[in-house]
């Protein structure tokens, strides 16, 4: 911990030589700031203060750190933060425009991490157009004495996480490393919750497919669920590389004691990835089973149509023969000839109908 404190003091001295913190106008943070809090020894200093004032307090004391939370800042607003904390322009560009793959990059004395966040969209019934998974992005700048979180999307608020960390000052006392680990763990926990919720939807679809009232619209529901599962997979699978980097590669801004914790988070992510892969295979099997059921149902319908067509062919044939305009025809002049023909037709149709019923065609 002494090495980290010395690094904080060195960065603070270098910063005061290059940036004048006495001019708040140089950091136009706008209204995208959700929180700007100072922590000393893991304890939150009461009240919020401007970012420049918070940074001045921390670097004057040579201890503690600042945690700033931003929500979808614009270029001008993030430019003020970048100037104040000395963030690299490439990382700032990524943080503004979002749509980045999960990654961890180091720019001088600042660590830049990108995480994909996921959220389960509640719905009463899964349909062919239901949205199941909503994704967003979370960027984290970690310095020796500051943490800047930038959230994109309508979910993934870090408010509950911040409260949980403040309830455990021993963790916050470890500095920005503890915050970065808590954020990574929080993101993976959200992925696990979404995966469990998606499993409930898969179970519901599976029950519907194998029920006796199979609907032709089940294919659309299955395909939509596969699309949403693919979106979840695109958010979860790329998280493995940055987590492995944090767990295995020594970094000056990461407390070595936390690498074991990052490995634990990476192991949880592996379990979620395997779960998603198994879900995808299960949905393929459910879709194939549904298509097989549809094919069987169509074959049943065709057999019934064929059986009834065979039954109808008997009276059609007999009536067609007697419909010909010949003078000499069997039983044409007999007064019981007409009822006899009708009786023959009825007996023939009943015999064929019974044969088809016995063979399971009707």
Protein backbone atom coordinates (compact mmCIF):
# COMPACT_ATOMS: atom_id res chain seq x y z
CA UNK A 1 0.00 0.00 0.00
CA UNK A 2 2.95 2.36 0.60
CA UNK A 3 3.92 2.03 -3.07
CA UNK A 4 0.42 3.05 -4.16
CA UNK A 5 0.43 6.03 -1.79
CA UNK A 6 3.82 7.19 -3.08
CA UNK A 7 2.50 6.87 -6.64
CA UNK A 8 -0.52 8.98 -5.70
CA UNK A 9 1.67 11.70 -4.23
CA UNK A 10 3.93 11.70 -7.31
CA UNK A 11 0.98 11.97 -9.68
CA UNK A 12 -0.47 14.73 -7.50
CA UNK A 13 2.73 16.77 -7.63
CA UNK A 14 2.99 16.32 -11.40
CA UNK A 15 -0.62 17.28 -11.84
CA UNK A 16 -0.29 20.52 -9.83
CA UNK A 17 2.62 21.52 -12.05
CA UNK A 18 0.51 21.15 -15.23
CA UNK A 19 -3.09 21.94 -14.24
CA UNK A 20 -4.41 24.87 -12.29
CA UNK A 21 -7.20 23.56 -10.05
CA UNK A 22 -8.25 26.99 -8.91
CA UNK A 23 -10.38 27.68 -11.99
CA UNK A 24 -13.61 25.63 -11.96
CA UNK A 25 -14.53 27.03 -15.36
CA UNK A 26 -11.86 24.83 -16.91
CA UNK A 27 -13.90 21.68 -16.11
CA UNK A 28 -17.41 22.16 -17.56
CA UNK A 29 -18.86 18.87 -16.29
CA UNK A 30 -22.44 19.86 -17.01
CA UNK A 31 -25.39 17.94 -15.61
CA UNK A 32 -24.16 14.47 -16.53
CA UNK A 33 -22.46 14.03 -13.16
CA UNK A 34 -24.44 11.56 -11.05
CA UNK A 35 -22.00 11.60 -8.13
CA UNK A 36 -18.72 13.20 -7.18
CA UNK A 37 -17.54 11.85 -3.85
CA UNK A 38 -14.29 11.93 -1.87
CA UNK A 39 -13.18 8.95 0.22
CA UNK A 40 -10.53 8.99 2.94
CA UNK A 41 -9.57 5.67 4.57
CA UNK A 42 -12.66 4.06 3.04
CA UNK A 43 -15.04 6.61 4.57
CA UNK A 44 -17.10 8.93 2.43
CA UNK A 45 -16.70 12.61 3.14
CA UNK A 46 -20.20 14.09 3.69
CA UNK A 47 -21.78 16.01 0.85
CA UNK A 48 -20.88 16.37 -2.81
CA UNK A 49 -18.41 18.87 -4.17
CA UNK A 50 -17.21 19.95 -7.63
CA UNK A 51 -14.73 17.64 -9.30
CA UNK A 52 -11.86 20.11 -9.17
CA UNK A 53 -12.42 20.77 -5.47
CA UNK A 54 -12.63 17.03 -4.73
CA UNK A 55 -9.38 16.40 -6.59
CA UNK A 56 -7.70 19.29 -4.76
CA UNK A 57 -8.67 17.83 -1.38
CA UNK A 58 -7.35 14.38 -2.21
CA UNK A 59 -4.03 15.54 -3.64
CA UNK A 60 -3.49 18.05 -0.88
CA UNK A 61 -3.90 15.27 1.68
CA UNK A 62 -1.85 12.79 -0.37
CA UNK A 63 -4.34 10.07 0.46
CA UNK A 64 -7.86 8.94 -0.43
CA UNK A 65 -9.48 9.07 -3.86
CA UNK A 66 -12.28 10.68 -5.84
CA UNK A 67 -15.11 8.71 -7.42
CA UNK A 68 -17.03 10.50 -10.16
CA UNK A 69 -20.03 8.91 -11.88
CA UNK A 70 -21.16 10.20 -15.29
CA UNK A 71 -24.13 9.20 -17.43
CA UNK A 72 -23.79 9.53 -21.21
CA UNK A 73 -21.64 12.69 -21.24
CA UNK A 74 -21.12 14.66 -24.41
CA UNK A 75 -17.78 15.55 -25.93
CA UNK A 76 -17.64 19.01 -24.33
CA UNK A 77 -18.56 17.69 -20.89
CA UNK A 78 -16.10 14.82 -20.98
CA UNK A 79 -13.42 17.14 -22.33
CA UNK A 80 -13.56 19.02 -19.04
CA UNK A 81 -13.08 15.78 -17.09
CA UNK A 82 -10.26 14.72 -19.42
CA UNK A 83 -8.42 17.99 -18.90
CA UNK A 84 -8.91 17.90 -15.15
CA UNK A 85 -7.70 14.31 -14.68
CA UNK A 86 -5.28 14.06 -17.59
CA UNK A 87 -7.13 11.36 -19.56
CA UNK A 88 -5.81 10.15 -22.89
CA UNK A 89 -7.70 11.48 -25.97
CA UNK A 90 -8.15 8.00 -27.48
CA UNK A 91 -9.76 6.70 -24.31
CA UNK A 92 -11.95 9.79 -24.08
CA UNK A 93 -13.13 9.27 -27.67
CA UNK A 94 -14.08 5.68 -26.87
CA UNK A 95 -15.91 6.78 -23.74
CA UNK A 96 -17.98 9.37 -25.62
CA UNK A 97 -19.02 7.33 -28.63
CA UNK A 98 -19.44 4.01 -26.80
CA UNK A 99 -20.15 0.84 -28.87
CA UNK A 100 -16.79 -0.59 -27.78
CA UNK A 101 -15.79 -4.17 -27.13
CA UNK A 102 -14.93 -5.00 -23.51
CA UNK A 103 -11.25 -4.30 -22.97
CA UNK A 104 -8.60 -3.07 -20.55
CA UNK A 105 -5.97 -0.60 -21.75
CA UNK A 106 -3.28 1.39 -19.98
CA UNK A 107 -2.53 4.98 -20.92
CA UNK A 108 0.48 6.20 -18.92
CA UNK A 109 -0.73 6.38 -15.32
CA UNK A 110 -4.41 5.75 -16.11
CA UNK A 111 -6.15 2.44 -16.63
CA UNK A 112 -9.15 2.41 -18.99
CA UNK A 113 -11.64 -0.50 -18.78
CA UNK A 114 -14.78 -1.12 -20.84
CA UNK A 115 -17.52 -3.48 -19.69
CA UNK A 116 -20.75 -4.52 -21.36
CA UNK A 117 -23.77 -4.35 -19.07
CA UNK A 118 -26.93 -6.41 -19.52
CA UNK A 119 -30.43 -6.14 -18.16
CA UNK A 120 -33.40 -8.50 -18.34
CA UNK A 121 -36.50 -6.91 -19.84
CA UNK A 122 -39.58 -8.03 -17.93
CA UNK A 123 -42.50 -9.31 -20.02
CA UNK A 124 -45.72 -11.14 -19.23
CA UNK A 125 -45.48 -13.53 -22.15
CA UNK A 126 -42.72 -14.26 -24.63
CA UNK A 127 -43.77 -13.43 -28.19
CA UNK A 128 -42.03 -13.38 -31.56
CA UNK A 129 -41.19 -9.68 -31.00
CA UNK A 130 -40.45 -9.64 -27.26
CA UNK A 131 -37.29 -7.87 -26.10
CA UNK A 132 -35.62 -10.08 -23.51
CA UNK A 133 -32.11 -8.65 -23.11
CA UNK A 134 -31.09 -4.99 -23.08
CA UNK A 135 -27.41 -4.08 -23.24
CA UNK A 136 -25.39 -1.03 -22.32
CA UNK A 137 -21.80 -0.03 -21.66
CA UNK A 138 -19.79 0.97 -18.63
CA UNK A 139 -16.41 2.68 -18.95
CA UNK A 140 -14.05 3.03 -15.99
CA UNK A 141 -11.00 5.30 -15.72
CA UNK A 142 -8.76 4.29 -12.83
CA UNK A 143 -5.94 6.49 -11.62
CA UNK A 144 -3.81 6.55 -8.53
CA UNK A 145 -6.31 8.75 -6.70
CA UNK A 146 -9.48 8.74 -8.76
CA UNK A 147 -12.12 6.54 -10.34
CA UNK A 148 -14.33 7.83 -13.15
CA UNK A 149 -17.28 5.70 -14.24
CA UNK A 150 -19.18 6.51 -17.44
CA UNK A 151 -22.46 4.74 -18.02
CA UNK A 152 -24.22 4.40 -21.38
CA UNK A 153 -27.75 3.04 -21.50
CA UNK A 154 -30.86 3.22 -19.35
CA UNK A 155 -29.76 0.59 -16.84
CA UNK A 156 -26.66 -0.46 -14.90
CA UNK A 157 -26.80 2.25 -12.25
CA UNK A 158 -23.92 1.96 -9.78
CA UNK A 159 -25.83 3.59 -6.92
CA UNK A 160 -26.56 0.30 -5.07
CA UNK A 161 -22.96 -0.81 -5.59
CA UNK A 162 -21.63 2.45 -4.17
CA UNK A 163 -23.86 2.06 -1.10
CA UNK A 164 -22.70 -1.53 -0.60
CA UNK A 165 -19.05 -0.46 -0.78
CA UNK A 166 -19.62 2.42 1.62
CA UNK A 167 -21.07 -0.09 4.07
CA UNK A 168 -17.70 -1.91 3.97
CA UNK A 169 -15.07 0.84 4.49
CA UNK A 170 -12.31 -1.77 4.80
CA UNK A 171 -12.76 -2.54 1.08
CA UNK A 172 -12.89 1.11 0.03
CA UNK A 173 -9.74 1.76 2.02
CA UNK A 174 -7.89 -0.36 -0.54
CA UNK A 175 -8.44 2.45 -3.05
CA UNK A 176 -9.43 2.42 -6.75
CA UNK A 177 -8.47 -1.26 -7.11
CA UNK A 178 -11.33 -2.23 -4.82
CA UNK A 179 -13.77 -0.09 -6.80
CA UNK A 180 -12.70 -1.60 -10.13
CA UNK A 181 -13.04 -5.13 -8.74
CA UNK A 182 -16.47 -4.33 -7.29
CA UNK A 183 -17.63 -2.95 -10.65
CA UNK A 184 -16.38 -6.02 -12.54
CA UNK A 185 -18.03 -8.32 -10.00
CA UNK A 186 -21.25 -6.31 -10.24
CA UNK A 187 -21.31 -6.56 -14.04
CA UNK A 188 -20.77 -10.34 -13.95
CA UNK A 189 -23.45 -10.77 -11.26
CA UNK A 190 -25.91 -8.91 -13.50
CA UNK A 191 -25.00 -11.26 -16.35
CA UNK A 192 -25.72 -14.24 -14.10
CA UNK A 193 -29.10 -12.81 -13.09
CA UNK A 194 -30.05 -12.24 -16.74
CA UNK A 195 -28.89 -15.76 -17.65
CA UNK A 196 -31.09 -17.26 -14.93
CA UNK A 197 -34.08 -15.21 -16.11
CA UNK A 198 -33.52 -16.29 -19.72
CA UNK A 199 -33.47 -19.91 -18.52
CA UNK A 200 -37.01 -19.42 -17.20
CA UNK A 201 -38.11 -18.24 -20.66
CA UNK A 202 -36.45 -21.27 -22.25
CA UNK A 203 -38.23 -23.58 -19.81
CA UNK A 204 -41.55 -21.93 -20.66
CA UNK A 205 -40.97 -22.33 -24.40
CA UNK A 206 -39.87 -25.94 -23.94
CA UNK A 207 -43.04 -26.72 -21.97
CA UNK A 208 -45.19 -25.09 -24.63
CA UNK A 209 -43.52 -26.98 -27.48
CA UNK A 210 -43.93 -30.38 -25.87
CA UNK A 211 -47.47 -29.77 -24.70
CA UNK A 212 -50.42 -31.24 -26.58
CA UNK A 213 -51.49 -27.77 -27.74
CA UNK A 214 -48.47 -27.02 -29.88
CA UNK A 215 -48.82 -23.69 -31.70
CA UNK A 216 -47.45 -22.94 -35.13
CA UNK A 217 -46.25 -19.58 -33.69
CA UNK A 218 -43.81 -21.29 -31.33
CA UNK A 219 -41.11 -21.17 -34.00
CA UNK A 220 -41.17 -17.36 -33.92
CA UNK A 221 -40.86 -17.33 -30.14
CA UNK A 222 -37.93 -19.76 -30.24
CA UNK A 223 -36.14 -17.79 -32.95
CA UNK A 224 -36.64 -14.51 -31.08
CA UNK A 225 -35.27 -16.08 -27.92
CA UNK A 226 -32.23 -17.29 -29.87
CA UNK A 227 -31.63 -13.75 -31.13
CA UNK A 228 -31.84 -12.34 -27.60
CA UNK A 229 -29.55 -15.10 -26.35
CA UNK A 230 -27.05 -14.17 -29.06
CA UNK A 231 -27.13 -10.56 -27.87
CA UNK A 232 -26.43 -11.77 -24.33
CA UNK A 233 -23.55 -13.91 -25.60
CA UNK A 234 -22.04 -10.94 -27.46
CA UNK A 235 -22.07 -8.97 -24.21
CA UNK A 236 -20.75 -11.73 -21.94
CA UNK A 237 -18.13 -13.63 -23.97
CA UNK A 238 -15.80 -10.66 -24.70
CA UNK A 239 -15.58 -9.86 -20.98
CA UNK A 240 -13.27 -12.83 -20.49
CA UNK A 241 -10.18 -11.18 -21.99
CA UNK A 242 -10.14 -7.99 -19.86
CA UNK A 243 -10.90 -9.96 -16.70
CA UNK A 244 -8.08 -12.40 -17.45
CA UNK A 245 -5.79 -9.44 -18.07
CA UNK A 246 -6.64 -7.94 -14.69
CA UNK A 247 -6.25 -11.34 -13.03
CA UNK A 248 -2.90 -12.37 -14.51
CA UNK A 249 -0.97 -9.32 -15.72
CA UNK A 250 0.72 -7.14 -13.08
CA UNK A 251 -0.36 -3.50 -13.32
CA UNK A 252 0.94 -0.57 -11.27
CA UNK A 253 -2.57 0.75 -10.57
CA UNK A 254 -3.96 -2.62 -9.44
CA UNK A 255 -3.20 -3.92 -5.98
CA UNK A 256 -1.57 -7.39 -6.50
CA UNK A 257 -3.74 -8.75 -3.70
CA UNK A 258 -6.81 -8.14 -5.89
CA UNK A 259 -5.62 -10.31 -8.77
CA UNK A 260 -6.97 -13.39 -6.98
CA UNK A 261 -10.35 -11.65 -6.70
CA UNK A 262 -10.33 -10.85 -10.41
CA UNK A 263 -9.59 -14.53 -11.11
CA UNK A 264 -12.66 -15.45 -9.08
CA UNK A 265 -14.78 -13.05 -11.15
CA UNK A 266 -13.34 -14.53 -14.36
CA UNK A 267 -14.26 -18.03 -13.16
CA UNK A 268 -17.85 -16.90 -12.57
CA UNK A 269 -17.88 -15.46 -16.07
CA UNK A 270 -16.71 -18.80 -17.49
CA UNK A 271 -19.65 -20.51 -15.83
CA UNK A 272 -22.07 -18.01 -17.35
CA UNK A 273 -20.51 -18.45 -20.79
CA UNK A 274 -20.86 -22.22 -20.56
CA UNK A 275 -24.45 -21.78 -19.44
CA UNK A 276 -25.25 -19.55 -22.42
CA UNK A 277 -23.64 -22.07 -24.78
CA UNK A 278 -25.77 -24.85 -23.34
CA UNK A 279 -28.87 -22.65 -23.69
CA UNK A 280 -28.09 -22.11 -27.36
CA UNK A 281 -27.75 -25.85 -27.94
CA UNK A 282 -30.97 -26.51 -26.03
CA UNK A 283 -32.86 -23.95 -28.13
CA UNK A 284 -31.56 -25.62 -31.28
CA UNK A 285 -32.93 -28.94 -30.02
CA UNK A 286 -36.26 -27.35 -29.08
CA UNK A 287 -36.52 -25.73 -32.50
CA UNK A 288 -35.77 -29.03 -34.25
CA UNK A 289 -38.32 -30.81 -32.08
CA UNK A 290 -40.92 -28.16 -32.88
CA UNK A 291 -40.26 -28.43 -36.61
CA UNK A 292 -40.54 -32.21 -36.35
CA UNK A 293 -43.87 -31.83 -34.56
CA UNK A 294 -45.11 -29.46 -37.27
CA UNK A 295 -44.06 -31.96 -39.95
CA UNK A 296 -45.86 -34.79 -38.15
CA UNK A 297 -48.97 -32.63 -37.78
CA UNK A 298 -48.87 -31.80 -41.48
CA UNK A 299 -48.53 -35.49 -42.33
CA UNK A 300 -51.54 -36.23 -40.13
CA UNK A 301 -53.53 -33.57 -41.93
CA UNK A 302 -52.49 -34.93 -45.33
CA UNK A 303 -53.52 -38.47 -44.33
CA UNK A 304 -56.93 -37.26 -43.23
CA UNK A 305 -57.40 -35.30 -46.43
CA UNK A 306 -56.35 -38.32 -48.48
CA UNK A 307 -58.72 -40.64 -46.57
CA UNK A 308 -61.70 -38.36 -47.05
CA UNK A 309 -60.80 -37.90 -50.71
CA UNK A 310 -60.85 -41.71 -51.12
CA UNK A 311 -64.28 -41.92 -49.46
CA UNK A 312 -65.69 -39.14 -51.62
CA UNK A 313 -64.29 -40.83 -54.74
CA UNK A 314 -66.77 -43.75 -54.40
CA UNK A 315 -70.02 -41.76 -54.81
CA UNK A 316 -68.29 -39.57 -57.37
CA UNK A 317 -67.41 -42.60 -59.47
CA UNK A 318 -70.87 -44.22 -59.21
CA UNK A 319 -72.73 -40.99 -59.88
CA UNK A 320 -70.41 -40.32 -62.77
CA UNK A 321 -71.29 -43.66 -64.36
CA UNK A 322 -75.03 -43.16 -63.96
CA UNK A 323 -74.72 -39.63 -65.18
CA UNK A 324 -73.85 -40.83 -68.70
CA UNK A 325 -76.69 -40.62 -71.22
CA UNK A 326 -76.92 -44.26 -72.29
CA UNK A 327 -80.29 -45.90 -72.95
CA UNK A 328 -79.40 -49.36 -71.68
CA UNK A 329 -77.84 -49.27 -68.21
CA UNK A 330 -78.01 -51.76 -65.29
CA UNK A 331 -81.19 -51.44 -63.25
CA UNK A 332 -82.15 -48.30 -65.15
CA UNK A 333 -85.78 -49.33 -65.58
CA UNK A 334 -86.18 -51.01 -62.19
CA UNK A 335 -88.12 -48.98 -59.63
CA UNK A 336 -85.76 -50.04 -56.78
CA UNK A 337 -82.64 -49.34 -58.79
CA UNK A 338 -82.16 -45.81 -57.38
CA UNK A 339 -82.37 -46.87 -53.67
CA UNK A 340 -80.11 -49.81 -54.47
CA UNK A 341 -77.41 -47.58 -55.90
CA UNK A 342 -77.63 -45.25 -52.90
CA UNK A 343 -77.33 -48.22 -50.55
CA UNK A 344 -74.28 -49.53 -52.41
CA UNK A 345 -72.66 -46.11 -52.20
CA UNK A 346 -73.38 -45.82 -48.44
CA UNK A 347 -72.06 -49.33 -47.69
CA UNK A 348 -68.91 -48.73 -49.72
CA UNK A 349 -68.23 -45.39 -48.02
CA UNK A 350 -68.78 -46.84 -44.54
CA UNK A 351 -66.50 -49.77 -45.31
CA UNK A 352 -63.69 -47.51 -46.49
CA UNK A 353 -64.21 -45.15 -43.55
CA UNK A 354 -63.98 -48.07 -41.09
CA UNK A 355 -60.80 -49.32 -42.77
CA UNK A 356 -59.16 -45.90 -42.50
CA UNK A 357 -60.18 -45.54 -38.83
CA UNK A 358 -58.73 -48.96 -38.05
CA UNK A 359 -55.42 -47.97 -39.65
CA UNK A 360 -55.31 -44.62 -37.79
CA UNK A 361 -55.82 -42.38 -40.78
CA UNK A 362 -59.04 -40.88 -39.40
